[in-house]
Every structure is written in structure tokens, then in C-alpha cells.
Amino acid sequence: MDRFVLISGCSGGGKSALLAELGRRGHGVVEEPGRRIVNEQLDSGGAALPWVDGAAFARRAIAMALADRTSAAALPGWVFFDRGLIDAAAALQLLTGEQVLARLGQSHRYHRRVFLAPPWPEIYVTDRERRHGFDAALAEYWRLVEVYPALGYELVVLPKIGVLERADVVLTTLGK
């Protein structure tokens, strides 16, 4: 859907802060499936965690991203997604070899421009939900740099600037 915009890229690159600012400006936003799943699994003692059962985690992220898209259809105007279906499908394919990326990536389209938060070691932190190190975040980023163009998306790498200015860049790029 052309009004569904992905914010993807490096873990710890400022995506969630950007989404929060876009939400404050009145746009629809959808939180990252991965963080929601990790919180749910940690609270319930579940095993669908990226550091316990990565494939189960990725499958749950795909299901949640599909449900998010359905729910977001009711929102007006631009809807910004913190990660989403493509990231989850890429993770599952990497972990299991299941060829899900092309099928899901072509049948559930987002806006042609995908905004990528680049690696930003100065703001990278681990926490309860993000336990992997910066090297793993870098590897993930470079995989996504290959995945999105292979699916026909145009990448827009976000500058390393303040969140207000980043939101301006996103909206200006979209012509808003």
C-alpha cells in the first residue's frame, strides 16, 4: 500500500524515536513487531525469543506484521512502520532457508521508498529487548541493504541528525 512507509535499518539506529516523533505529528505509527514479541515472551516465560528460538520469533514477527498491515488500513494518511514484514521474512529466510521473502515481499507492498537508519554506534545500546551486540546489528543492516532493492524498493538512508530533523527529512522526501 503506497501510504504504508517502512522505517528499517540498523538496530539501535534511532528508528523508534523517529516513529514516536512522526506519531506526535499526527501520523499513524506501528511499533516494531520484534520488541512487542520480546516483551510478551519475557513477561510470559515464552521461548519465541531471537536468542532462544530465532525461527519461532521470526514466524511470530511475520504474523504480527501481517496483522499490523490489516489494522493499519483503517488509519488515515501516512502510516509509518518500525520495521515490518520484509525484515521478519528476511530473518526467517536467513535462519531456516525457507523461501518466504520474495513471496511475502511482492504480495504485501509498502511505499516504494524505504527509510533506513544507518549504523550509529554513538547511540547504540543494549537493553532488555535488544541483547545482541553492535556487530550483529551491522550484519543485519547490510543484509537489509541488499534485501530491499532486490524487492524493488528505493533506499533512503537517514542522516545522523536529531529526531526532529530526521522526521522533517522523511516527510519532505515523501512530499508532505
Protein backbone atom coordinates (compact mmCIF):
# COMPACT_ATOMS: atom_id res chain seq x y z
CA MET A 1 0.00 0.00 0.00
CA ASP A 2 1.55 3.27 -1.10
CA ARG A 3 0.79 5.13 2.13
CA PHE A 4 2.45 2.47 4.30
CA VAL A 5 6.04 3.62 4.88
CA LEU A 6 8.78 1.45 6.35
CA ILE A 7 11.46 2.73 8.68
CA SER A 8 14.06 -0.02 8.83
CA GLY A 9 17.81 -0.34 9.18
CA CYS A 10 20.30 -0.88 11.93
CA SER A 11 19.20 -1.91 15.40
CA GLY A 12 19.79 0.97 17.76
CA GLY A 13 19.85 3.49 14.91
CA GLY A 14 17.04 5.70 16.22
CA LYS A 15 14.02 4.19 14.43
CA SER A 16 11.73 4.08 17.44
CA ALA A 17 12.48 7.69 18.39
CA LEU A 18 11.73 8.75 14.82
CA LEU A 19 8.43 6.86 14.82
CA ALA A 20 7.47 8.48 18.12
CA GLU A 21 8.09 11.92 16.60
CA LEU A 22 6.06 11.08 13.49
CA GLY A 23 3.26 9.94 15.80
CA ARG A 24 3.46 13.20 17.75
CA ARG A 25 2.98 14.97 14.44
CA GLY A 26 -0.31 13.17 13.94
CA HIS A 27 0.69 10.33 11.64
CA GLY A 28 -0.25 6.72 12.15
CA VAL A 29 2.61 4.63 13.54
CA VAL A 30 3.07 0.92 14.10
CA GLU A 31 5.59 -0.24 16.69
CA GLU A 32 8.24 -2.79 15.83
CA PRO A 33 6.85 -6.36 15.99
CA GLY A 34 10.11 -7.69 17.41
CA ARG A 35 10.09 -5.56 20.55
CA ARG A 36 6.43 -6.34 21.20
CA ILE A 37 7.09 -10.07 20.83
CA VAL A 38 10.17 -9.98 23.06
CA ASN A 39 8.28 -8.14 25.80
CA GLU A 40 5.36 -10.57 25.57
CA GLN A 41 7.66 -13.61 25.65
CA LEU A 42 9.77 -12.30 28.52
CA ASP A 43 6.66 -11.49 30.55
CA SER A 44 5.07 -14.90 29.89
CA GLY A 45 8.21 -17.05 30.02
CA GLY A 46 7.89 -17.93 26.35
CA ALA A 47 10.67 -19.19 24.09
CA ALA A 48 9.92 -17.28 20.85
CA LEU A 49 12.88 -15.00 21.50
CA PRO A 50 15.60 -14.22 18.98
CA TRP A 51 18.30 -15.57 21.32
CA VAL A 52 16.34 -18.76 22.19
CA ASP A 53 14.34 -19.78 19.09
CA GLY A 54 15.01 -17.35 16.28
CA ALA A 55 12.80 -19.13 13.77
CA ALA A 56 9.78 -19.11 16.10
CA PHE A 57 10.46 -15.45 16.80
CA ALA A 58 10.63 -14.61 13.07
CA ARG A 59 7.41 -16.54 12.35
CA ARG A 60 5.61 -14.62 15.09
CA ALA A 61 7.02 -11.36 13.71
CA ILE A 62 5.66 -12.23 10.24
CA ALA A 63 2.22 -13.00 11.66
CA MET A 64 2.23 -9.79 13.71
CA ALA A 65 3.41 -7.69 10.75
CA LEU A 66 0.58 -9.08 8.59
CA ALA A 67 -1.95 -8.30 11.33
CA ASP A 68 -0.44 -4.81 11.71
CA ARG A 69 -0.95 -4.14 8.00
CA THR A 70 -4.59 -5.18 8.25
CA SER A 71 -5.18 -2.95 11.28
CA ALA A 72 -3.29 -0.03 9.75
CA ALA A 73 -5.58 0.01 6.72
CA ALA A 74 -8.18 1.75 8.93
CA LEU A 75 -5.78 4.62 9.73
CA PRO A 76 -5.92 7.73 7.53
CA GLY A 77 -2.94 9.19 5.66
CA TRP A 78 0.66 8.09 6.01
CA VAL A 79 1.25 5.13 8.30
CA PHE A 80 4.83 4.57 9.43
CA PHE A 81 6.04 1.10 10.40
CA ASP A 82 9.01 0.46 12.67
CA ARG A 83 10.35 -2.48 10.70
CA GLY A 84 7.72 -4.88 9.47
CA LEU A 85 7.04 -7.82 7.20
CA ILE A 86 10.14 -7.61 4.99
CA ASP A 87 12.54 -7.54 7.95
CA ALA A 88 10.81 -10.52 9.56
CA ALA A 89 10.68 -12.52 6.32
CA ALA A 90 14.37 -11.81 5.65
CA ALA A 91 15.23 -13.04 9.15
CA LEU A 92 13.23 -16.25 8.75
CA GLN A 93 14.78 -16.95 5.36
CA LEU A 94 18.28 -16.39 6.75
CA LEU A 95 17.66 -18.67 9.74
CA THR A 96 15.82 -21.51 8.02
CA GLY A 97 16.37 -21.21 4.28
CA GLU A 98 12.60 -21.06 3.77
CA GLN A 99 11.98 -19.03 0.61
CA VAL A 100 9.37 -16.66 2.06
CA LEU A 101 10.93 -13.31 1.30
CA ALA A 102 10.07 -12.93 -2.39
CA ARG A 103 6.51 -14.23 -1.93
CA LEU A 104 5.65 -12.04 1.04
CA GLY A 105 7.69 -9.11 -0.21
CA GLN A 106 5.83 -8.99 -3.52
CA SER A 107 2.32 -9.71 -2.27
CA HIS A 108 2.37 -7.18 0.59
CA ARG A 109 3.94 -3.98 -0.73
CA TYR A 110 4.85 -0.81 1.12
CA HIS A 111 5.69 2.64 -0.22
CA ARG A 112 8.45 2.38 -2.83
CA ARG A 113 10.85 4.35 -0.62
CA VAL A 114 12.16 2.63 2.49
CA PHE A 115 13.94 4.79 5.07
CA LEU A 116 16.99 3.15 6.61
CA ALA A 117 18.54 4.15 9.90
CA PRO A 118 22.28 3.63 9.39
CA PRO A 119 24.65 2.14 11.95
CA TRP A 120 25.15 4.73 14.67
CA PRO A 121 27.48 3.37 17.36
CA GLU A 122 27.30 6.56 19.41
CA ILE A 123 23.63 5.92 20.26
CA TYR A 124 23.59 2.10 20.17
CA VAL A 125 22.66 0.47 23.47
CA THR A 126 21.60 -2.98 24.54
CA ASP A 127 18.62 -3.41 26.82
CA ARG A 128 16.08 -5.98 27.96
CA GLU A 129 14.74 -6.43 24.41
CA ARG A 130 17.95 -5.83 22.43
CA ARG A 131 20.60 -8.20 23.70
CA HIS A 132 22.71 -8.57 20.56
CA GLY A 133 25.90 -6.61 20.10
CA PHE A 134 26.70 -3.92 17.58
CA ASP A 135 28.43 -6.40 15.24
CA ALA A 136 25.18 -8.35 14.89
CA ALA A 137 23.31 -5.09 14.27
CA LEU A 138 25.78 -4.23 11.50
CA ALA A 139 25.36 -7.62 9.84
CA GLU A 140 21.58 -7.20 9.95
CA TYR A 141 21.85 -3.71 8.41
CA TRP A 142 23.97 -4.88 5.48
CA ARG A 143 21.56 -7.76 4.79
CA LEU A 144 18.68 -5.28 4.64
CA VAL A 145 20.67 -3.01 2.32
CA GLU A 146 20.65 -5.94 -0.14
CA VAL A 147 17.13 -7.23 0.53
CA TYR A 148 15.09 -4.10 -0.09
CA PRO A 149 16.49 -3.16 -3.53
CA ALA A 150 16.21 -6.81 -4.61
CA LEU A 151 12.46 -6.46 -3.95
CA GLY A 152 12.25 -3.24 -5.95
CA TYR A 153 12.42 -0.70 -3.14
CA GLU A 154 14.39 2.54 -3.21
CA LEU A 155 16.52 3.08 -0.11
CA VAL A 156 16.73 6.45 1.60
CA VAL A 157 19.47 6.40 4.23
CA LEU A 158 18.56 8.70 7.07
CA PRO A 159 21.17 11.26 8.11
CA LYS A 160 22.62 11.08 11.61
CA ILE A 161 20.84 14.18 12.89
CA GLY A 162 18.34 14.99 15.63
CA VAL A 163 14.98 13.26 15.67
CA LEU A 164 13.03 16.41 14.75
CA GLU A 165 15.22 16.98 11.71
CA ARG A 166 15.00 13.30 10.76
CA ALA A 167 11.21 13.48 10.81
CA ASP A 168 11.41 16.54 8.57
CA VAL A 169 13.63 14.62 6.12
CA VAL A 170 11.14 11.74 5.97
CA LEU A 171 8.13 13.97 5.40
CA THR A 172 9.93 16.19 2.88
CA THR A 173 11.13 13.13 0.95
CA LEU A 174 7.56 11.86 0.81
CA GLY A 175 6.40 15.23 -0.45
CA LYS A 176 4.43 16.19 2.64
